[in-house]
N, C-alpha and C. Protein backbone atom coordinates (compact mmCIF):
# COMPACT_ATOMS: atom_id res chain seq x y z
N MET A 1 1.29 -1.75 0.21
CA MET A 1 0.03 -0.03 0.11
C MET A 1 0.45 1.03 -0.05
N PRO A 2 1.39 1.46 -0.67
CA PRO A 2 2.61 2.55 -1.33
C PRO A 2 1.20 4.17 -0.56
N GLY A 3 0.22 3.94 -1.41
CA GLY A 3 -0.36 5.51 -0.68
C GLY A 3 0.26 5.78 0.72
N GLY A 4 -0.20 4.11 1.81
CA GLY A 4 0.00 4.36 2.76
C GLY A 4 0.59 4.49 3.54
N VAL A 5 2.14 4.22 3.10
CA VAL A 5 3.38 4.64 3.61
C VAL A 5 3.73 5.62 3.77
N ALA A 6 3.01 6.52 2.58
CA ALA A 6 3.34 8.38 1.89
C ALA A 6 2.20 9.23 2.43
N LEU A 7 1.96 8.53 2.61
CA LEU A 7 0.33 9.70 4.32
C LEU A 7 1.15 9.04 5.57
N VAL A 8 2.01 7.54 6.33
CA VAL A 8 2.84 8.29 7.20
C VAL A 8 3.74 8.60 7.36
N VAL A 9 4.27 8.77 6.74
CA VAL A 9 5.60 10.12 5.85
C VAL A 9 4.99 11.05 6.30
N VAL A 10 4.49 11.37 4.65
CA VAL A 10 3.86 13.11 5.00
C VAL A 10 3.17 13.27 5.98
N PHE A 11 2.82 12.32 6.97
CA PHE A 11 2.64 13.23 8.60
C PHE A 11 3.00 13.00 9.48
N GLY A 12 3.73 12.40 9.18
CA GLY A 12 4.93 12.52 10.35
C GLY A 12 6.33 13.41 10.17
N ILE A 13 6.01 14.32 8.97
CA ILE A 13 6.83 15.34 8.91
C ILE A 13 6.79 16.52 8.88
N VAL A 14 4.57 16.52 8.53
CA VAL A 14 3.77 17.30 8.90
C VAL A 14 3.49 17.71 11.16
N ASN A 15 3.41 16.96 11.62
CA ASN A 15 3.05 16.98 13.03
C ASN A 15 4.39 16.88 13.27
N GLY A 16 5.64 16.67 13.20
CA GLY A 16 6.77 16.19 13.58
C GLY A 16 7.35 17.95 13.37
N LEU A 17 6.97 18.60 12.42
CA LEU A 17 7.40 19.94 12.42
C LEU A 17 6.56 20.75 13.19
N ALA A 18 5.05 20.46 13.15
CA ALA A 18 3.70 21.43 13.73
C ALA A 18 4.31 21.35 15.59
N GLU A 19 4.40 20.05 16.10
CA GLU A 19 4.89 19.91 17.19
C GLU A 19 6.01 20.62 17.61
N GLU A 20 7.05 20.40 16.88
CA GLU A 20 7.85 21.18 17.38
C GLU A 20 8.48 23.14 17.20
N LEU A 21 8.05 23.21 16.57
CA LEU A 21 7.60 25.14 16.14
C LEU A 21 6.62 25.60 17.65
N LEU A 22 6.10 24.92 17.73
CA LEU A 22 5.31 25.09 18.92
C LEU A 22 5.72 24.38 20.45
N TRP A 23 6.05 23.09 20.44
CA TRP A 23 6.75 23.11 22.02
C TRP A 23 8.16 23.50 22.25
N ARG A 24 8.88 23.13 21.48
CA ARG A 24 10.39 23.41 21.19
C ARG A 24 10.14 25.46 20.79
N GLY A 25 10.29 25.59 19.48
CA GLY A 25 10.91 26.73 18.80
C GLY A 25 9.93 28.00 19.89
N VAL A 26 8.44 27.89 20.18
CA VAL A 26 8.28 29.41 21.06
C VAL A 26 8.86 29.86 22.23
N PHE A 27 8.95 28.46 22.69
CA PHE A 27 8.80 27.81 23.80
C PHE A 27 10.69 28.30 24.23
N ALA A 28 11.23 27.64 23.56
CA ALA A 28 12.73 27.54 23.61
C ALA A 28 13.41 29.10 23.54
N THR A 29 12.55 29.62 22.02
CA THR A 29 12.96 30.71 22.15
C THR A 29 12.68 32.30 23.00
N THR A 30 11.71 32.05 23.71
CA THR A 30 11.42 33.65 24.55
C THR A 30 11.63 32.72 25.65
N PHE A 31 12.15 31.65 25.72
CA PHE A 31 12.46 31.26 27.59
C PHE A 31 14.27 30.40 27.87
N HIS A 32 14.34 31.66 28.25
CA HIS A 32 16.04 30.81 27.56
C HIS A 32 15.93 29.88 29.16
N ASP A 33 15.78 30.48 30.41
CA ASP A 33 15.58 29.49 31.55
C ASP A 33 16.02 28.03 31.46
N ARG A 34 15.67 26.72 31.86
CA ARG A 34 15.55 25.70 31.82
C ARG A 34 13.77 25.41 32.46
N LEU A 35 13.68 26.28 33.46
CA LEU A 35 11.66 25.96 34.27
C LEU A 35 10.91 26.39 33.08
N ARG A 36 10.64 27.31 32.08
CA ARG A 36 9.86 27.26 31.15
C ARG A 36 10.90 27.55 29.52
N GLY A 37 11.80 27.61 29.56
CA GLY A 37 12.34 26.79 28.46
C GLY A 37 11.92 25.46 28.16
N CYS A 38 12.25 24.90 29.14
CA CYS A 38 11.87 23.30 29.07
C CYS A 38 11.86 22.48 29.74
N LEU A 39 11.03 22.28 30.93
CA LEU A 39 10.09 21.52 32.08
C LEU A 39 8.01 21.78 31.83
N TYR A 40 7.74 23.74 31.47
CA TYR A 40 6.67 23.51 31.46
C TYR A 40 6.62 22.93 30.11
N PRO A 41 7.17 23.40 28.64
CA PRO A 41 6.70 23.12 27.01
C PRO A 41 6.51 21.25 26.88
N ALA A 42 7.30 20.70 27.87
CA ALA A 42 7.93 19.20 28.08
C ALA A 42 6.81 18.51 28.69
N VAL A 43 6.20 19.27 29.58
CA VAL A 43 4.54 19.39 30.73
C VAL A 43 3.69 19.11 29.91
N GLY A 44 4.14 20.28 29.08
CA GLY A 44 2.72 20.73 28.37
C GLY A 44 2.57 19.87 26.77
N PHE A 45 3.85 19.21 26.72
CA PHE A 45 3.38 18.44 25.45
C PHE A 45 3.56 17.02 25.70
N GLY A 46 3.54 16.67 27.13
CA GLY A 46 2.65 15.39 27.31
C GLY A 46 1.53 15.64 27.63
N THR A 47 0.92 16.71 28.09
CA THR A 47 -0.18 15.63 28.33
C THR A 47 -1.17 16.31 27.11
N TRP A 48 -0.82 17.08 26.00
CA TRP A 48 -0.94 16.92 24.42
C TRP A 48 -1.60 15.90 23.77
N HIS A 49 -0.52 15.01 24.53
CA HIS A 49 -0.28 13.32 23.71
C HIS A 49 -1.59 12.68 24.85
N ILE A 50 -2.49 13.01 25.55
CA ILE A 50 -3.03 12.07 25.96
C ILE A 50 -4.50 12.26 25.31
N ALA A 51 -4.82 14.02 24.73
CA ALA A 51 -5.41 13.30 24.24
C ALA A 51 -6.22 12.70 22.39
N PRO A 52 -5.05 12.81 21.72
CA PRO A 52 -5.49 12.30 20.93
C PRO A 52 -5.31 10.63 20.58
N LEU A 53 -4.96 10.13 22.40
CA LEU A 53 -5.31 8.00 23.07
C LEU A 53 -6.09 8.08 23.21
N SER A 54 -7.01 9.73 24.09
CA SER A 54 -8.29 8.57 24.57
C SER A 54 -9.22 8.72 23.22
N VAL A 55 -8.76 9.71 22.31
CA VAL A 55 -10.07 9.03 20.85
C VAL A 55 -9.74 7.30 20.79
N TYR A 56 -8.70 7.44 19.97
CA TYR A 56 -7.57 6.42 19.31
C TYR A 56 -7.20 6.06 20.55
N PRO A 57 -7.02 5.37 21.80
CA PRO A 57 -6.13 4.58 22.80
C PRO A 57 -5.36 3.53 21.61
N GLY A 58 -3.97 3.91 22.38
CA GLY A 58 -3.08 2.90 21.71
C GLY A 58 -2.65 1.25 22.74
N THR A 59 -1.80 0.97 22.29
CA THR A 59 -1.84 0.05 23.30
C THR A 59 -0.80 0.30 24.76
N THR A 60 0.15 1.69 24.30
CA THR A 60 0.77 1.45 25.63
C THR A 60 -0.05 1.76 26.91
N GLY A 61 -1.13 2.32 26.45
CA GLY A 61 -2.38 3.68 27.59
C GLY A 61 -1.77 4.76 27.46
N SER A 62 -2.40 5.09 27.89
CA SER A 62 -2.77 7.28 27.08
C SER A 62 -1.81 7.80 28.39
N TYR A 63 -1.82 7.43 29.47
CA TYR A 63 -0.87 7.57 30.72
C TYR A 63 1.23 7.21 30.20
N ARG A 64 0.29 6.22 30.05
CA ARG A 64 2.85 5.88 29.93
C ARG A 64 2.76 6.40 28.25
N PHE A 65 1.95 6.51 27.79
CA PHE A 65 2.32 7.37 25.87
C PHE A 65 2.31 9.28 27.34
N ALA A 66 1.90 9.24 28.03
CA ALA A 66 2.21 10.87 27.35
C ALA A 66 3.01 10.41 28.80
N SER A 67 3.55 9.97 29.52
CA SER A 67 4.88 10.44 30.26
C SER A 67 5.76 9.95 29.04
N LEU A 68 5.68 8.54 28.58
CA LEU A 68 7.66 8.62 28.29
C LEU A 68 7.13 10.26 26.79
N ALA A 69 6.12 10.46 26.36
CA ALA A 69 6.00 12.01 25.06
C ALA A 69 6.74 13.14 26.38
N THR A 70 6.40 13.24 28.15
CA THR A 70 7.27 14.76 28.79
C THR A 70 8.14 14.47 29.07
N LEU A 71 9.08 13.17 28.96
CA LEU A 71 10.41 13.04 29.12
C LEU A 71 11.09 12.82 27.75
N LEU A 72 10.60 12.70 26.51
CA LEU A 72 11.61 13.12 25.09
C LEU A 72 11.28 14.88 25.23
N GLY A 73 9.70 15.13 25.66
CA GLY A 73 9.67 16.35 25.60
C GLY A 73 10.71 16.92 26.70
N LEU A 74 11.58 16.59 27.64
CA LEU A 74 12.62 16.87 28.14
C LEU A 74 13.44 17.74 27.55
N VAL A 75 13.93 16.04 27.13
CA VAL A 75 15.34 16.09 26.26
C VAL A 75 15.87 16.57 25.11
N TYR A 76 14.52 16.84 24.77
CA TYR A 76 14.59 17.96 22.99
C TYR A 76 14.81 19.35 23.65
N GLY A 77 13.35 19.51 24.70
CA GLY A 77 13.78 21.66 25.22
C GLY A 77 15.71 21.45 25.21
N GLU A 78 15.66 20.37 26.32
CA GLU A 78 17.54 20.85 26.72
C GLU A 78 18.36 20.90 25.62
N VAL A 79 17.99 20.35 24.80
CA VAL A 79 18.50 19.70 23.25
C VAL A 79 18.16 21.37 22.32
N ALA A 80 16.70 21.61 22.32
CA ALA A 80 16.59 23.04 21.45
C ALA A 80 17.22 24.73 22.84
N ARG A 81 17.52 24.22 24.08
CA ARG A 81 17.95 24.91 24.48
C ARG A 81 19.98 25.11 24.49
N ARG A 82 20.49 24.43 24.15
CA ARG A 82 21.81 23.79 23.99
C ARG A 82 22.56 24.85 22.62
N THR A 83 21.07 24.19 22.17
CA THR A 83 22.06 24.55 20.46
C THR A 83 20.94 25.51 19.65
N HIS A 84 20.06 26.07 20.84
CA HIS A 84 19.81 27.59 20.44
C HIS A 84 19.33 27.41 18.59
N GLY A 85 18.02 26.44 19.02
CA GLY A 85 17.43 26.31 17.84
C GLY A 85 17.07 24.95 17.12
N ILE A 86 16.27 24.57 16.61
CA ILE A 86 15.13 22.95 16.81
C ILE A 86 15.28 22.17 15.71
N ALA A 87 16.71 22.55 15.02
CA ALA A 87 17.10 21.38 14.03
C ALA A 87 17.24 19.91 14.75
N TRP A 88 17.21 19.84 15.28
CA TRP A 88 17.66 19.04 15.54
C TRP A 88 17.03 17.88 15.75
N THR A 89 16.17 18.80 17.00
CA THR A 89 14.72 18.17 17.36
C THR A 89 13.79 17.47 16.27
N THR A 90 13.64 18.74 15.69
CA THR A 90 12.52 18.92 14.41
C THR A 90 12.67 17.67 13.68
N PHE A 91 13.55 17.73 13.65
CA PHE A 91 14.65 16.12 12.78
C PHE A 91 13.66 14.73 13.33
N SER A 92 14.52 14.16 14.20
CA SER A 92 14.42 13.67 15.37
C SER A 92 12.81 13.61 15.40
N HIS A 93 12.10 14.86 15.39
CA HIS A 93 10.82 13.97 16.12
C HIS A 93 9.97 13.80 15.11
N MET A 94 10.58 13.83 13.64
CA MET A 94 10.05 13.56 11.97
C MET A 94 10.02 11.27 11.96
N VAL A 95 11.45 11.76 12.58
CA VAL A 95 12.54 10.06 12.48
C VAL A 95 11.02 9.11 13.27
N THR A 96 10.84 9.85 15.10
CA THR A 96 10.27 9.15 15.85
C THR A 96 9.25 9.14 15.41
N ASP A 97 8.35 9.75 14.76
CA ASP A 97 7.82 9.68 14.46
C ASP A 97 7.04 8.64 13.34
N TYR A 98 7.21 8.92 12.77
CA TYR A 98 7.83 8.15 11.25
C TYR A 98 8.17 6.64 11.68
N LEU A 99 8.66 6.68 12.07
CA LEU A 99 9.33 4.35 13.15
C LEU A 99 8.11 4.41 13.99
N GLY A 100 7.88 5.73 15.44
CA GLY A 100 6.85 4.70 16.39
C GLY A 100 5.83 5.00 16.57
N THR A 101 5.01 5.66 16.87
CA THR A 101 3.38 6.05 16.90
C THR A 101 2.74 6.33 15.69
N ASP A 102 2.92 7.28 14.17
CA ASP A 102 2.57 6.85 12.68
C ASP A 102 2.80 5.86 12.68
N LEU A 103 3.39 4.98 12.42
CA LEU A 103 3.54 3.65 11.55
C LEU A 103 2.49 2.16 11.86
N VAL A 104 2.94 2.08 14.00
CA VAL A 104 2.30 1.88 14.55
C VAL A 104 0.49 1.64 14.26
N TRP A 105 0.14 3.18 14.22
CA TRP A 105 -1.78 3.95 13.90
C TRP A 105 -1.59 3.30 12.88
N PHE A 106 -1.26 3.91 11.68
CA PHE A 106 -2.20 3.34 10.83
C PHE A 106 -1.96 1.75 10.42
N SER A 107 -0.59 1.40 10.56
CA SER A 107 -1.05 0.36 10.54
C SER A 107 -2.37 -0.73 11.33
N GLU A 108 -2.44 -0.36 12.58
CA GLU A 108 -3.51 -0.81 13.32
C GLU A 108 -4.72 -0.41 12.29
N LEU A 109 -4.64 0.72 12.22
CA LEU A 109 -5.51 1.46 11.04
C LEU A 109 -6.15 0.87 10.22
N THR A 110 -4.68 -0.13 9.06
CA THR A 110 -5.22 -0.55 8.19
C THR A 110 -5.70 -1.84 8.38
N GLY A 111 -4.94 -2.10 9.37
CA GLY A 111 -5.72 -4.25 10.08
C GLY A 111 -4.10 -4.32 9.12
N GLY A 112 -3.21 -4.21 9.18
CA GLY A 112 -2.37 -4.93 9.47
C GLY A 112 -1.70 -4.89 8.47
N ALA A 113 -1.55 -3.88 7.53
CA ALA A 113 -0.73 -3.66 6.26
C ALA A 113 0.54 -3.14 6.47
N PHE A 114 0.43 -2.63 7.46
CA PHE A 114 1.88 -2.53 7.51
C PHE A 114 2.73 -3.61 8.66
N GLY A 115 2.36 -4.25 8.58
CA GLY A 115 2.82 -5.60 9.32
C GLY A 115 3.19 -4.59 11.48
N GLY A 116 1.87 -5.93 11.30
CA GLY A 116 1.66 -5.77 13.27
C GLY A 116 0.57 -4.64 13.05
N GLY A 117 -0.64 -5.44 13.05
CA GLY A 117 -2.01 -4.38 12.81
C GLY A 117 -2.62 -5.78 13.62
N ASN A 118 -3.60 -5.21 13.92
CA ASN A 118 -4.34 -6.42 15.51
C ASN A 118 -4.92 -7.53 14.41
């Protein structure tokens, strides 16, 4: 299903870029201290990931996934703060979305067309 793979790639790119612009781009460039530049957006990023999973529950559970997203948000926030930009975090976020969340989600959505559905 080549169209489905293309959709996963496009979604990973768009989602990764949009979330990094919001959660790291705005906060890291506005606030240069760790509390407001890293911690606050990481908690927001983690909480942000509860909403989609309440509509379409994954296999790991909403709160576990949100906790992992918060931890990843802390790492991404610190990288953005130290590098004074979001290039590395955006690239990593796109790859993570493609390889992990998006691929599994679309696999389950398509009944295993990508290898690993229900």
